[in-house]
PDB file of N, CA and C in Angstrom:
ATOM      1  N   MET A   1      39.273  60.486  60.913  1.00  0.00           N
ATOM      2  CA  MET A   1      39.922  60.685  62.190  1.00  0.00           C
ATOM      3  C   MET A   1      38.835  60.915  63.238  1.00  0.00           C
ATOM      4  N   SER A   2      38.817  60.130  64.282  1.00  0.00           N
ATOM      5  CA  SER A   2      37.785  60.267  65.298  1.00  0.00           C
ATOM      6  C   SER A   2      38.092  61.447  66.207  1.00  0.00           C
ATOM      7  N   SER A   3      37.059  61.919  66.912  1.00  0.00           N
ATOM      8  CA  SER A   3      37.250  63.084  67.777  1.00  0.00           C
ATOM      9  C   SER A   3      38.157  62.749  68.953  1.00  0.00           C
ATOM     10  N   THR A   4      38.191  61.483  69.389  1.00  0.00           N
ATOM     11  CA  THR A   4      39.061  61.099  70.503  1.00  0.00           C
ATOM     12  C   THR A   4      40.526  61.200  70.108  1.00  0.00           C
ATOM     13  N   SER A   5      40.882  60.702  68.940  1.00  0.00           N
ATOM     14  CA  SER A   5      42.287  60.777  68.538  1.00  0.00           C
ATOM     15  C   SER A   5      42.672  62.214  68.201  1.00  0.00           C
ATOM     16  N   ARG A   6      41.709  63.004  67.691  1.00  0.00           N
ATOM     17  CA  ARG A   6      42.002  64.412  67.405  1.00  0.00           C
ATOM     18  C   ARG A   6      42.261  65.162  68.706  1.00  0.00           C
ATOM     19  N   GLY A   7      41.464  64.882  69.743  1.00  0.00           N
ATOM     20  CA  GLY A   7      41.679  65.503  71.049  1.00  0.00           C
ATOM     21  C   GLY A   7      43.018  65.107  71.635  1.00  0.00           C
ATOM     22  N   ASP A   8      43.409  63.862  71.395  1.00  0.00           N
ATOM     23  CA  ASP A   8      44.702  63.412  71.885  1.00  0.00           C
ATOM     24  C   ASP A   8      45.834  64.181  71.212  1.00  0.00           C
ATOM     25  N   VAL A   9      45.715  64.385  69.919  1.00  0.00           N
ATOM     26  CA  VAL A   9      46.761  65.111  69.183  1.00  0.00           C
ATOM     27  C   VAL A   9      46.816  66.558  69.645  1.00  0.00           C
ATOM     28  N   ILE A  10      45.668  67.191  69.800  1.00  0.00           N
ATOM     29  CA  ILE A  10      45.643  68.584  70.261  1.00  0.00           C
ATOM     30  C   ILE A  10      46.200  68.682  71.678  1.00  0.00           C
ATOM     31  N   GLY A  11      45.815  67.755  72.538  1.00  0.00           N
ATOM     32  CA  GLY A  11      46.337  67.742  73.906  1.00  0.00           C
ATOM     33  C   GLY A  11      47.840  67.542  73.944  1.00  0.00           C
ATOM     34  N   ARG A  12      48.328  66.654  73.089  1.00  0.00           N
ATOM     35  CA  ARG A  12      49.783  66.432  73.037  1.00  0.00           C
ATOM     36  C   ARG A  12      50.510  67.660  72.526  1.00  0.00           C
ATOM     37  N   MET A  13      49.916  68.346  71.535  1.00  0.00           N
ATOM     38  CA  MET A  13      50.548  69.566  71.016  1.00  0.00           C
ATOM     39  C   MET A  13      50.571  70.669  72.075  1.00  0.00           C
ATOM     40  N   ILE A  14      49.481  70.807  72.818  1.00  0.00           N
ATOM     41  CA  ILE A  14      49.448  71.809  73.891  1.00  0.00           C
ATOM     42  C   ILE A  14      50.491  71.455  74.954  1.00  0.00           C
ATOM     43  N   GLY A  15      50.581  70.186  75.317  1.00  0.00           N
ATOM     44  CA  GLY A  15      51.590  69.760  76.290  1.00  0.00           C
ATOM     45  C   GLY A  15      52.999  70.039  75.805  1.00  0.00           C
ATOM     46  N   LEU A  16      53.242  69.795  74.514  1.00  0.00           N
ATOM     47  CA  LEU A  16      54.561  70.067  73.951  1.00  0.00           C
ATOM     48  C   LEU A  16      54.863  71.562  73.964  1.00  0.00           C
ATOM     49  N   LEU A  17      53.876  72.392  73.638  1.00  0.00           N
ATOM     50  CA  LEU A  17      54.080  73.840  73.644  1.00  0.00           C
ATOM     51  C   LEU A  17      54.328  74.366  75.058  1.00  0.00           C
ATOM     52  N   VAL A  18      53.604  73.840  76.038  1.00  0.00           N
ATOM     53  CA  VAL A  18      53.825  74.259  77.426  1.00  0.00           C
ATOM     54  C   VAL A  18      55.218  73.836  77.880  1.00  0.00           C
ATOM     55  N   PHE A  19      55.621  72.629  77.507  1.00  0.00           N
ATOM     56  CA  PHE A  19      56.975  72.167  77.848  1.00  0.00           C
ATOM     57  C   PHE A  19      58.033  73.079  77.231  1.00  0.00           C
ATOM     58  N   LEU A  20      57.872  73.427  75.957  1.00  0.00           N
ATOM     59  CA  LEU A  20      58.843  74.299  75.293  1.00  0.00           C
ATOM     60  C   LEU A  20      58.848  75.702  75.901  1.00  0.00           C
ATOM     61  N   LEU A  21      57.696  76.186  76.347  1.00  0.00           N
ATOM     62  CA  LEU A  21      57.639  77.476  77.038  1.00  0.00           C
ATOM     63  C   LEU A  21      58.474  77.436  78.314  1.00  0.00           C
ATOM     64  N   GLY A  22      58.357  76.361  79.080  1.00  0.00           N
ATOM     65  CA  GLY A  22      59.163  76.217  80.299  1.00  0.00           C
ATOM     66  C   GLY A  22      60.648  76.128  79.995  1.00  0.00           C
ATOM     67  N   VAL A  23      60.999  75.413  78.928  1.00  0.00           N
ATOM     68  CA  VAL A  23      62.412  75.309  78.544  1.00  0.00           C
ATOM     69  C   VAL A  23      62.947  76.676  78.108  1.00  0.00           C
ATOM     70  N   CYS A  24      62.150  77.433  77.358  1.00  0.00           N
ATOM     71  CA  CYS A  24      62.578  78.775  76.939  1.00  0.00           C
ATOM     72  C   CYS A  24      62.776  79.684  78.150  1.00  0.00           C
ATOM     73  N   LEU A  25      61.906  79.569  79.144  1.00  0.00           N
ATOM     74  CA  LEU A  25      62.074  80.360  80.361  1.00  0.00           C
ATOM     75  C   LEU A  25      63.363  79.974  81.080  1.00  0.00           C
ATOM     76  N   LEU A  26      63.680  78.693  81.133  1.00  0.00           N
ATOM     77  CA  LEU A  26      64.925  78.256  81.765  1.00  0.00           C
ATOM     78  C   LEU A  26      66.147  78.752  80.993  1.00  0.00           C
ATOM     79  N   VAL A  27      66.083  78.727  79.666  1.00  0.00           N
ATOM     80  CA  VAL A  27      67.198  79.236  78.859  1.00  0.00           C
ATOM     81  C   VAL A  27      67.387  80.730  79.120  1.00  0.00           C
ATOM     82  N   LEU A  28      66.291  81.476  79.210  1.00  0.00           N
ATOM     83  CA  LEU A  28      66.375  82.904  79.510  1.00  0.00           C
ATOM     84  C   LEU A  28      67.008  83.140  80.879  1.00  0.00           C
ATOM     85  N   VAL A  29      66.618  82.348  81.868  1.00  0.00           N
ATOM     86  CA  VAL A  29      67.189  82.482  83.209  1.00  0.00           C
ATOM     87  C   VAL A  29      68.690  82.213  83.184  1.00  0.00           C
ATOM     88  N   PHE A  30      69.101  81.161  82.494  1.00  0.00           N
ATOM     89  CA  PHE A  30      70.532  80.852  82.444  1.00  0.00           C
ATOM     90  C   PHE A  30      71.312  81.926  81.692  1.00  0.00           C
ATOM     91  N   TYR A  31      70.718  82.504  80.658  1.00  0.00           N
ATOM     92  CA  TYR A  31      71.389  83.566  79.900  1.00  0.00           C
ATOM     93  C   TYR A  31      71.576  84.811  80.780  1.00  0.00           C
ATOM     94  N   VAL A  32      70.524  85.214  81.487  1.00  0.00           N
ATOM     95  CA  VAL A  32      70.616  86.399  82.352  1.00  0.00           C
ATOM     96  C   VAL A  32      71.577  86.138  83.503  1.00  0.00           C
ATOM     97  N   ALA A  33      71.528  84.940  84.084  1.00  0.00           N
ATOM     98  CA  ALA A  33      72.433  84.607  85.181  1.00  0.00           C
ATOM     99  C   ALA A  33      73.888  84.602  84.699  1.00  0.00           C
ATOM    100  N   PHE A  34      74.125  84.086  83.505  1.00  0.00           N
ATOM    101  CA  PHE A  34      75.490  84.080  82.976  1.00  0.00           C
ATOM    102  C   PHE A  34      76.004  85.505  82.802  1.00  0.00           C
ATOM    103  N   ASP A  35      75.161  86.382  82.243  1.00  0.00           N
ATOM    104  CA  ASP A  35      75.568  87.783  82.094  1.00  0.00           C
ATOM    105  C   ASP A  35      75.816  88.446  83.441  1.00  0.00           C
ATOM    106  N   LEU A  36      74.968  88.154  84.416  1.00  0.00           N
ATOM    107  CA  LEU A  36      75.111  88.773  85.735  1.00  0.00           C
ATOM    108  C   LEU A  36      76.380  88.296  86.443  1.00  0.00           C
ATOM    109  N   PHE A  37      76.656  87.013  86.364  1.00  0.00           N
ATOM    110  CA  PHE A  37      77.789  86.463  87.106  1.00  0.00           C
ATOM    111  C   PHE A  37      79.133  86.631  86.400  1.00  0.00           C
ATOM    112  N   THR A  38      79.138  86.951  85.116  1.00  0.00           N
ATOM    113  CA  THR A  38      80.407  87.190  84.435  1.00  0.00           C
ATOM    114  C   THR A  38      80.738  88.671  84.331  1.00  0.00           C
ATOM    115  N   ALA A  39      79.830  89.535  84.754  1.00  0.00           N
ATOM    116  CA  ALA A  39      80.089  90.978  84.707  1.00  0.00           C
ATOM    117  C   ALA A  39      81.061  91.362  85.822  1.00  0.00           C
ATOM    118  N   SER A  40      81.800  92.428  85.583  1.00  0.00           N
ATOM    119  CA  SER A  40      82.695  92.929  86.627  1.00  0.00           C
ATOM    120  C   SER A  40      81.847  93.497  87.765  1.00  0.00           C
ATOM    121  N   PRO A  41      82.390  93.550  88.969  1.00  0.00           N
ATOM    122  CA  PRO A  41      81.596  94.047  90.100  1.00  0.00           C
ATOM    123  C   PRO A  41      81.081  95.476  89.905  1.00  0.00           C
ATOM    124  N   THR A  42      81.887  96.331  89.322  1.00  0.00           N
ATOM    125  CA  THR A  42      81.420  97.704  89.121  1.00  0.00           C
ATOM    126  C   THR A  42      80.285  97.765  88.105  1.00  0.00           C
ATOM    127  N   LYS A  43      80.351  96.918  87.083  1.00  0.00           N
ATOM    128  CA  LYS A  43      79.276  96.887  86.093  1.00  0.00           C
ATOM    129  C   LYS A  43      78.029  96.232  86.666  1.00  0.00           C
ATOM    130  N   ALA A  44      78.190  95.154  87.427  1.00  0.00           N
ATOM    131  CA  ALA A  44      77.041  94.468  88.017  1.00  0.00           C
ATOM    132  C   ALA A  44      76.329  95.353  89.032  1.00  0.00           C
ATOM    133  N   LEU A  45      77.098  96.137  89.773  1.00  0.00           N
ATOM    134  CA  LEU A  45      76.502  97.032  90.761  1.00  0.00           C
ATOM    135  C   LEU A  45      76.095  98.371  90.167  1.00  0.00           C
ATOM    136  N   GLY A  46      76.534  98.659  88.949  1.00  0.00           N
ATOM    137  CA  GLY A  46      76.181  99.925  88.314  1.00  0.00           C
ATOM    138  C   GLY A  46      76.866 101.118  88.959  1.00  0.00           C
ATOM    139  N   LEU A  47      78.096 100.941  89.397  1.00  0.00           N
ATOM    140  CA  LEU A  47      78.826 102.019  90.078  1.00  0.00           C
ATOM    141  C   LEU A  47      79.871 102.625  89.158  1.00  0.00           C
ATOM    142  N   GLN A  48      80.166 103.896  89.369  1.00  0.00           N
ATOM    143  CA  GLN A  48      81.194 104.611  88.612  1.00  0.00           C
ATOM    144  C   GLN A  48      82.267 105.114  89.572  1.00  0.00           C
ATOM    145  N   PHE A  49      83.495 104.704  89.327  1.00  0.00           N
ATOM    146  CA  PHE A  49      84.627 105.190  90.110  1.00  0.00           C
ATOM    147  C   PHE A  49      85.417 106.158  89.251  1.00  0.00           C
ATOM    148  N   ASN A  50      85.890 107.232  89.863  1.00  0.00           N
ATOM    149  CA  ASN A  50      86.607 108.270  89.113  1.00  0.00           C
ATOM    150  C   ASN A  50      88.098 108.248  89.423  1.00  0.00           C
ATOM    151  N   GLY A  51      88.726 107.147  89.184  1.00  0.00           N
ATOM    152  CA  GLY A  51      90.177 107.069  89.326  1.00  0.00           C
ATOM    153  C   GLY A  51      90.640 107.174  90.760  1.00  0.00           C
ATOM    154  N   ASN A  52      91.614 108.091  91.016  1.00  0.00           N
ATOM    155  CA  ASN A  52      92.250 108.203  92.327  1.00  0.00           C
ATOM    156  C   ASN A  52      91.616 109.263  93.206  1.00  0.00           C
ATOM    157  N   ASP A  53      90.558 109.893  92.784  1.00  0.00           N
ATOM    158  CA  ASP A  53      89.934 110.951  93.568  1.00  0.00           C
ATOM    159  C   ASP A  53      88.828 110.351  94.438  1.00  0.00           C
ATOM    160  N   PRO A  54      89.087 110.162  95.742  1.00  0.00           N
ATOM    161  CA  PRO A  54      88.091 109.507  96.596  1.00  0.00           C
ATOM    162  C   PRO A  54      86.859 110.366  96.857  1.00  0.00           C
ATOM    163  N   ARG A  55      86.903 111.660  96.557  1.00  0.00           N
ATOM    164  CA  ARG A  55      85.741 112.516  96.808  1.00  0.00           C
ATOM    165  C   ARG A  55      84.583 112.190  95.863  1.00  0.00           C
ATOM    166  N   HIS A  56      84.875 111.607  94.721  1.00  0.00           N
ATOM    167  CA  HIS A  56      83.840 111.313  93.735  1.00  0.00           C
ATOM    168  C   HIS A  56      83.443 109.833  93.708  1.00  0.00           C
ATOM    169  N   ASP A  57      83.969 109.053  94.634  1.00  0.00           N
ATOM    170  CA  ASP A  57      83.576 107.647  94.721  1.00  0.00           C
ATOM    171  C   ASP A  57      82.146 107.545  95.261  1.00  0.00           C
ATOM    172  N   PRO A  58      81.444 106.467  94.933  1.00  0.00           N
ATOM    173  CA  PRO A  58      80.066 106.323  95.432  1.00  0.00           C
ATOM    174  C   PRO A  58      80.031 106.160  96.952  1.00  0.00           C
ATOM    175  N   SER A  59      78.971 106.622  97.552  1.00  0.00           N
ATOM    176  CA  SER A  59      78.826 106.516  99.006  1.00  0.00           C
ATOM    177  C   SER A  59      78.456 105.094  99.403  1.00  0.00           C
ATOM    178  N   PHE A  60      78.561 104.846 100.706  1.00  0.00           N
ATOM    179  CA  PHE A  60      78.215 103.535 101.232  1.00  0.00           C
ATOM    180  C   PHE A  60      76.743 103.230 100.972  1.00  0.00           C
ATOM    181  N   ALA A  61      75.905 104.251 101.102  1.00  0.00           N
ATOM    182  CA  ALA A  61      74.465 104.043 100.888  1.00  0.00           C
ATOM    183  C   ALA A  61      74.188 103.615  99.450  1.00  0.00           C
ATOM    184  N   LYS A  62      74.853 104.253  98.484  1.00  0.00           N
ATOM    185  CA  LYS A  62      74.640 103.891  97.079  1.00  0.00           C
ATOM    186  C   LYS A  62      75.123 102.470  96.819  1.00  0.00           C
ATOM    187  N   ILE A  63      76.268 102.099  97.378  1.00  0.00           N
ATOM    188  CA  ILE A  63      76.779 100.740  97.212  1.00  0.00           C
ATOM    189  C   ILE A  63      75.818  99.725  97.839  1.00  0.00           C
ATOM    190  N   ALA A  64      75.276 100.027  99.017  1.00  0.00           N
ATOM    191  CA  ALA A  64      74.352  99.112  99.694  1.00  0.00           C
ATOM    192  C   ALA A  64      73.057  98.945  98.895  1.00  0.00           C
ATOM    193  N   VAL A  65      72.548 100.040  98.337  1.00  0.00           N
ATOM    194  CA  VAL A  65      71.320  99.955  97.545  1.00  0.00           C
ATOM    195  C   VAL A  65      71.562  99.117  96.294  1.00  0.00           C
ATOM    196  N   GLN A  66      72.677  99.323  95.631  1.00  0.00           N
ATOM    197  CA  GLN A  66      72.973  98.554  94.422  1.00  0.00           C
ATOM    198  C   GLN A  66      73.205  97.080  94.745  1.00  0.00           C
ATOM    199  N   LEU A  67      73.836  96.806  95.876  1.00  0.00           N
ATOM    200  CA  LEU A  67      74.032  95.417  96.291  1.00  0.00           C
ATOM    201  C   LEU A  67      72.691  94.745  96.586  1.00  0.00           C
ATOM    202  N   ALA A  68      71.788  95.472  97.241  1.00  0.00           N
ATOM    203  CA  ALA A  68      70.450  94.924  97.492  1.00  0.00           C
ATOM    204  C   ALA A  68      69.731  94.651  96.169  1.00  0.00           C
ATOM    205  N   TRP A  69      69.930  95.504  95.170  1.00  0.00           N
ATOM    206  CA  TRP A  69      69.319  95.307  93.864  1.00  0.00           C
ATOM    207  C   TRP A  69      69.864  94.033  93.204  1.00  0.00           C
ATOM    208  N   VAL A  70      71.156  93.804  93.297  1.00  0.00           N
ATOM    209  CA  VAL A  70      71.752  92.591  92.719  1.00  0.00           C
ATOM    210  C   VAL A  70      71.232  91.350  93.438  1.00  0.00           C
ATOM    211  N   LEU A  71      71.125  91.412  94.760  1.00  0.00           N
ATOM    212  CA  LEU A  71      70.588  90.270  95.503  1.00  0.00           C
ATOM    213  C   LEU A  71      69.125  90.014  95.134  1.00  0.00           C
ATOM    214  N   PHE A  72      68.360  91.089  94.895  1.00  0.00           N
ATOM    215  CA  PHE A  72      66.977  90.936  94.441  1.00  0.00           C
ATOM    216  C   PHE A  72      66.935  90.266  93.071  1.00  0.00           C
ATOM    217  N   ARG A  73      67.836  90.649  92.178  1.00  0.00           N
ATOM    218  CA  ARG A  73      67.890  90.021  90.854  1.00  0.00           C
ATOM    219  C   ARG A  73      68.225  88.540  90.954  1.00  0.00           C
ATOM    220  N   ILE A  74      69.138  88.180  91.853  1.00  0.00           N
ATOM    221  CA  ILE A  74      69.495  86.773  92.044  1.00  0.00           C
ATOM    222  C   ILE A  74      68.296  85.994  92.582  1.00  0.00           C
ATOM    223  N   ALA A  75      67.573  86.576  93.544  1.00  0.00           N
ATOM    224  CA  ALA A  75      66.386  85.910  94.078  1.00  0.00           C
ATOM    225  C   ALA A  75      65.319  85.760  92.989  1.00  0.00           C
ATOM    226  N   THR A  76      65.173  86.778  92.146  1.00  0.00           N
ATOM    227  CA  THR A  76      64.211  86.703  91.049  1.00  0.00           C
ATOM    228  C   THR A  76      64.597  85.599  90.067  1.00  0.00           C
ATOM    229  N   LEU A  77      65.882  85.461  89.790  1.00  0.00           N
ATOM    230  CA  LEU A  77      66.335  84.384  88.910  1.00  0.00           C
ATOM    231  C   LEU A  77      66.036  83.009  89.513  1.00  0.00           C
ATOM    232  N   ALA A  78      66.193  82.891  90.825  1.00  0.00           N
ATOM    233  CA  ALA A  78      65.887  81.613  91.480  1.00  0.00           C
ATOM    234  C   ALA A  78      64.402  81.290  91.348  1.00  0.00           C
ATOM    235  N   VAL A  79      63.547  82.289  91.551  1.00  0.00           N
ATOM    236  CA  VAL A  79      62.101  82.066  91.424  1.00  0.00           C
ATOM    237  C   VAL A  79      61.749  81.730  89.976  1.00  0.00           C
ATOM    238  N   MET A  80      62.365  82.431  89.024  1.00  0.00           N
ATOM    239  CA  MET A  80      62.092  82.155  87.614  1.00  0.00           C
ATOM    240  C   MET A  80      62.542  80.756  87.222  1.00  0.00           C
ATOM    241  N   SER A  81      63.651  80.285  87.775  1.00  0.00           N
ATOM    242  CA  SER A  81      64.106  78.936  87.436  1.00  0.00           C
ATOM    243  C   SER A  81      63.155  77.879  87.992  1.00  0.00           C
ATOM    244  N   VAL A  82      62.644  78.106  89.195  1.00  0.00           N
ATOM    245  CA  VAL A  82      61.658  77.174  89.753  1.00  0.00           C
ATOM    246  C   VAL A  82      60.380  77.203  88.914  1.00  0.00           C
ATOM    247  N   ALA A  83      59.952  78.401  88.518  1.00  0.00           N
ATOM    248  CA  ALA A  83      58.740  78.521  87.688  1.00  0.00           C
ATOM    249  C   ALA A  83      58.937  77.827  86.337  1.00  0.00           C
ATOM    250  N   GLY A  84      60.096  78.002  85.723  1.00  0.00           N
ATOM    251  CA  GLY A  84      60.372  77.338  84.454  1.00  0.00           C
ATOM    252  C   GLY A  84      60.366  75.830  84.587  1.00  0.00           C
ATOM    253  N   SER A  85      60.910  75.331  85.683  1.00  0.00           N
ATOM    254  CA  SER A  85      60.905  73.886  85.911  1.00  0.00           C
ATOM    255  C   SER A  85      59.483  73.366  86.115  1.00  0.00           C
ATOM    256  N   LEU A  86      58.673  74.101  86.870  1.00  0.00           N
ATOM    257  CA  LEU A  86      57.292  73.678  87.094  1.00  0.00           C
ATOM    258  C   LEU A  86      56.470  73.722  85.810  1.00  0.00           C
ATOM    259  N   ILE A  87      56.684  74.745  84.984  1.00  0.00           N
ATOM    260  CA  ILE A  87      55.968  74.840  83.714  1.00  0.00           C
ATOM    261  C   ILE A  87      56.370  73.695  82.797  1.00  0.00           C
ATOM    262  N   SER A  88      57.665  73.392  82.733  1.00  0.00           N
ATOM    263  CA  SER A  88      58.122  72.268  81.915  1.00  0.00           C
ATOM    264  C   SER A  88      57.531  70.955  82.406  1.00  0.00           C
ATOM    265  N   ASN A  89      57.505  70.777  83.707  1.00  0.00           N
ATOM    266  CA  ASN A  89      56.928  69.556  84.275  1.00  0.00           C
ATOM    267  C   ASN A  89      55.450  69.452  83.941  1.00  0.00           C
ATOM    268  N   LYS A  90      54.724  70.559  84.013  1.00  0.00           N
ATOM    269  CA  LYS A  90      53.302  70.540  83.667  1.00  0.00           C
ATOM    270  C   LYS A  90      53.117  70.188  82.191  1.00  0.00           C
ATOM    271  N   GLY A  91      53.995  70.691  81.324  1.00  0.00           N
ATOM    272  CA  GLY A  91      53.919  70.352  79.909  1.00  0.00           C
ATOM    273  C   GLY A  91      54.139  68.873  79.664  1.00  0.00           C
ATOM    274  N   ILE A  92      55.090  68.287  80.369  1.00  0.00           N
ATOM    275  CA  ILE A  92      55.339  66.847  80.237  1.00  0.00           C
ATOM    276  C   ILE A  92      54.120  66.062  80.715  1.00  0.00           C
ATOM    277  N   ASN A  93      53.546  66.485  81.844  1.00  0.00           N
ATOM    278  CA  ASN A  93      52.353  65.799  82.354  1.00  0.00           C
ATOM    279  C   ASN A  93      51.186  65.917  81.385  1.00  0.00           C
ATOM    280  N   LEU A  94      50.985  67.094  80.797  1.00  0.00           N
ATOM    281  CA  LEU A  94      49.910  67.268  79.816  1.00  0.00           C
ATOM    282  C   LEU A  94      50.135  66.375  78.602  1.00  0.00           C
ATOM    283  N   TYR A  95      51.366  66.319  78.126  1.00  0.00           N
ATOM    284  CA  TYR A  95      51.688  65.508  76.955  1.00  0.00           C
ATOM    285  C   TYR A  95      51.364  64.042  77.200  1.00  0.00           C
ATOM    286  N   PHE A  96      51.845  63.510  78.314  1.00  0.00           N
ATOM    287  CA  PHE A  96      51.629  62.087  78.579  1.00  0.00           C
ATOM    288  C   PHE A  96      50.194  61.788  78.990  1.00  0.00           C
ATOM    289  N   SER A  97      49.509  62.741  79.589  1.00  0.00           N
ATOM    290  CA  SER A  97      48.093  62.528  79.898  1.00  0.00           C
ATOM    291  C   SER A  97      47.273  62.447  78.620  1.00  0.00           C
ATOM    292  N   ALA A  98      47.605  63.275  77.641  1.00  0.00           N
ATOM    293  CA  ALA A  98      46.873  63.256  76.381  1.00  0.00           C
ATOM    294  C   ALA A  98      47.192  61.998  75.579  1.00  0.00           C
ATOM    295  N   SER A  99      48.402  61.504  75.669  1.00  0.00           N
ATOM    296  CA  SER A  99      48.770  60.324  74.887  1.00  0.00           C
ATOM    297  C   SER A  99      48.416  59.029  75.597  1.00  0.00           C
ATOM    298  N   GLN A 100      47.932  59.100  76.818  1.00  0.00           N
ATOM    299  CA  GLN A 100      47.597  57.885  77.563  1.00  0.00           C
ATOM    300  C   GLN A 100      46.442  57.132  76.931  1.00  0.00           C
ATOM    301  N   GLY A 101      45.504  57.836  76.302  1.00  0.00           N
ATOM    302  CA  GLY A 101      44.386  57.170  75.664  1.00  0.00           C
ATOM    303  C   GLY A 101      44.806  56.346  74.463  1.00  0.00           C
ATOM    304  N   ARG A 102      45.950  56.615  73.874  1.00  0.00           N
ATOM    305  CA  ARG A 102      46.413  55.910  72.681  1.00  0.00           C
ATOM    306  C   ARG A 102      47.305  54.729  73.015  1.00  0.00           C
ATOM    307  N   MET A 103      47.762  54.627  74.242  1.00  0.00           N
ATOM    308  CA  MET A 103      48.676  53.555  74.609  1.00  0.00           C
ATOM    309  C   MET A 103      47.884  52.267  74.813  1.00  0.00           C
ATOM    310  N   PRO A 104      48.319  51.158  74.207  1.00  0.00           N
ATOM    311  CA  PRO A 104      47.612  49.896  74.431  1.00  0.00           C
ATOM    312  C   PRO A 104      47.864  49.405  75.852  1.00  0.00           C
ATOM    313  N   SER A 105      46.833  48.878  76.449  1.00  0.00           N
ATOM    314  CA  SER A 105      46.988  48.356  77.799  1.00  0.00           C
ATOM    315  C   SER A 105      46.494  46.915  77.828  1.00  0.00           C
ATOM    316  N   ALA A 106      46.925  46.164  78.811  1.00  0.00           N
ATOM    317  CA  ALA A 106      46.516  44.773  78.961  1.00  0.00           C
ATOM    318  C   ALA A 106      45.064  44.734  79.412  1.00  0.00           C
ATOM    319  N   PRO A 107      44.315  43.745  78.950  1.00  0.00           N
ATOM    320  CA  PRO A 107      42.920  43.649  79.390  1.00  0.00           C
ATOM    321  C   PRO A 107      42.845  43.390  80.879  1.00  0.00           C
ATOM    322  N   ASN A 108      41.820  43.965  81.481  1.00  0.00           N
ATOM    323  CA  ASN A 108      41.631  43.825  82.926  1.00  0.00           C
ATOM    324  C   ASN A 108      40.894  42.518  83.207  1.00  0.00           C
ATOM    325  N   PRO A 109      41.520  41.545  83.893  1.00  0.00           N
ATOM    326  CA  PRO A 109      40.811  40.286  84.150  1.00  0.00           C
ATOM    327  C   PRO A 109      39.686  40.498  85.145  1.00  0.00           C
ATOM    328  N   GLY A 110      38.687  39.686  85.038  1.00  0.00           N
ATOM    329  CA  GLY A 110      37.534  39.780  85.929  1.00  0.00           C
ATOM    330  C   GLY A 110      37.893  39.341  87.333  1.00  0.00           C
ATOM    331  N   PRO A 111      36.973  39.528  88.289  1.00  0.00           N
ATOM    332  CA  PRO A 111      37.279  39.191  89.670  1.00  0.00           C
ATOM    333  C   PRO A 111      37.412  37.690  89.923  1.00  0.00           C
ATOM    334  N   GLY A 112      36.822  36.853  89.066  1.00  0.00           N
ATOM    335  CA  GLY A 112      36.886  35.397  89.298  1.00  0.00           C
ATOM    336  C   GLY A 112      38.027  34.723  88.572  1.00  0.00           C
ATOM    337  N   SER A 113      38.839  35.440  87.827  1.00  0.00           N
ATOM    338  CA  SER A 113      39.924  34.811  87.063  1.00  0.00           C
ATOM    339  C   SER A 113      41.145  34.596  87.929  1.00  0.00           C
ATOM    340  N   PRO A 114      41.937  33.549  87.573  1.00  0.00           N
ATOM    341  CA  PRO A 114      43.133  33.268  88.379  1.00  0.00           C
ATOM    342  C   PRO A 114      44.183  34.364  88.173  1.00  0.00           C
ATOM    343  N   PRO A 115      45.043  34.590  89.158  1.00  0.00           N
ATOM    344  CA  PRO A 115      46.095  35.633  89.027  1.00  0.00           C
ATOM    345  C   PRO A 115      47.099  35.247  87.943  1.00  0.00           C
ATOM    346  N   ALA A 116      47.635  36.280  87.285  1.00  0.00           N
ATOM    347  CA  ALA A 116      48.646  36.052  86.233  1.00  0.00           C
ATOM    348  C   ALA A 116      49.953  35.625  86.884  1.00  0.00           C
ATOM    349  N   GLN A 117      50.644  34.712  86.192  1.00  0.00           N
ATOM    350  CA  GLN A 117      51.918  34.235  86.751  1.00  0.00           C
ATOM    351  C   GLN A 117      53.077  34.637  85.902  1.00  0.00           C
TER     352      GLN A 117
END
């Protein structure tokens, strides 16, 4: 096995691993987003209501802080999904860049040869 083909195999394996890392990150994002969006509002906001007694209900400030936290989590999920997509794309590029040396290509005609028809 020549060192060129060995480098191609190692490069392709690294590209495949980077691609799978990006896919795993996307799966994690979708799992967390599914849990967040299917939770009840009180559970998603982390609030406790005590039945019919309004004196023990959470204050407006606590509700606003928890809502800001949920919006931060949604923004973080959006950033993570973009990062997962970029990592997957980089893995695909690495894979095909490493395998490009193994792909047969047409011979390059010289400058004086007639154009192919």
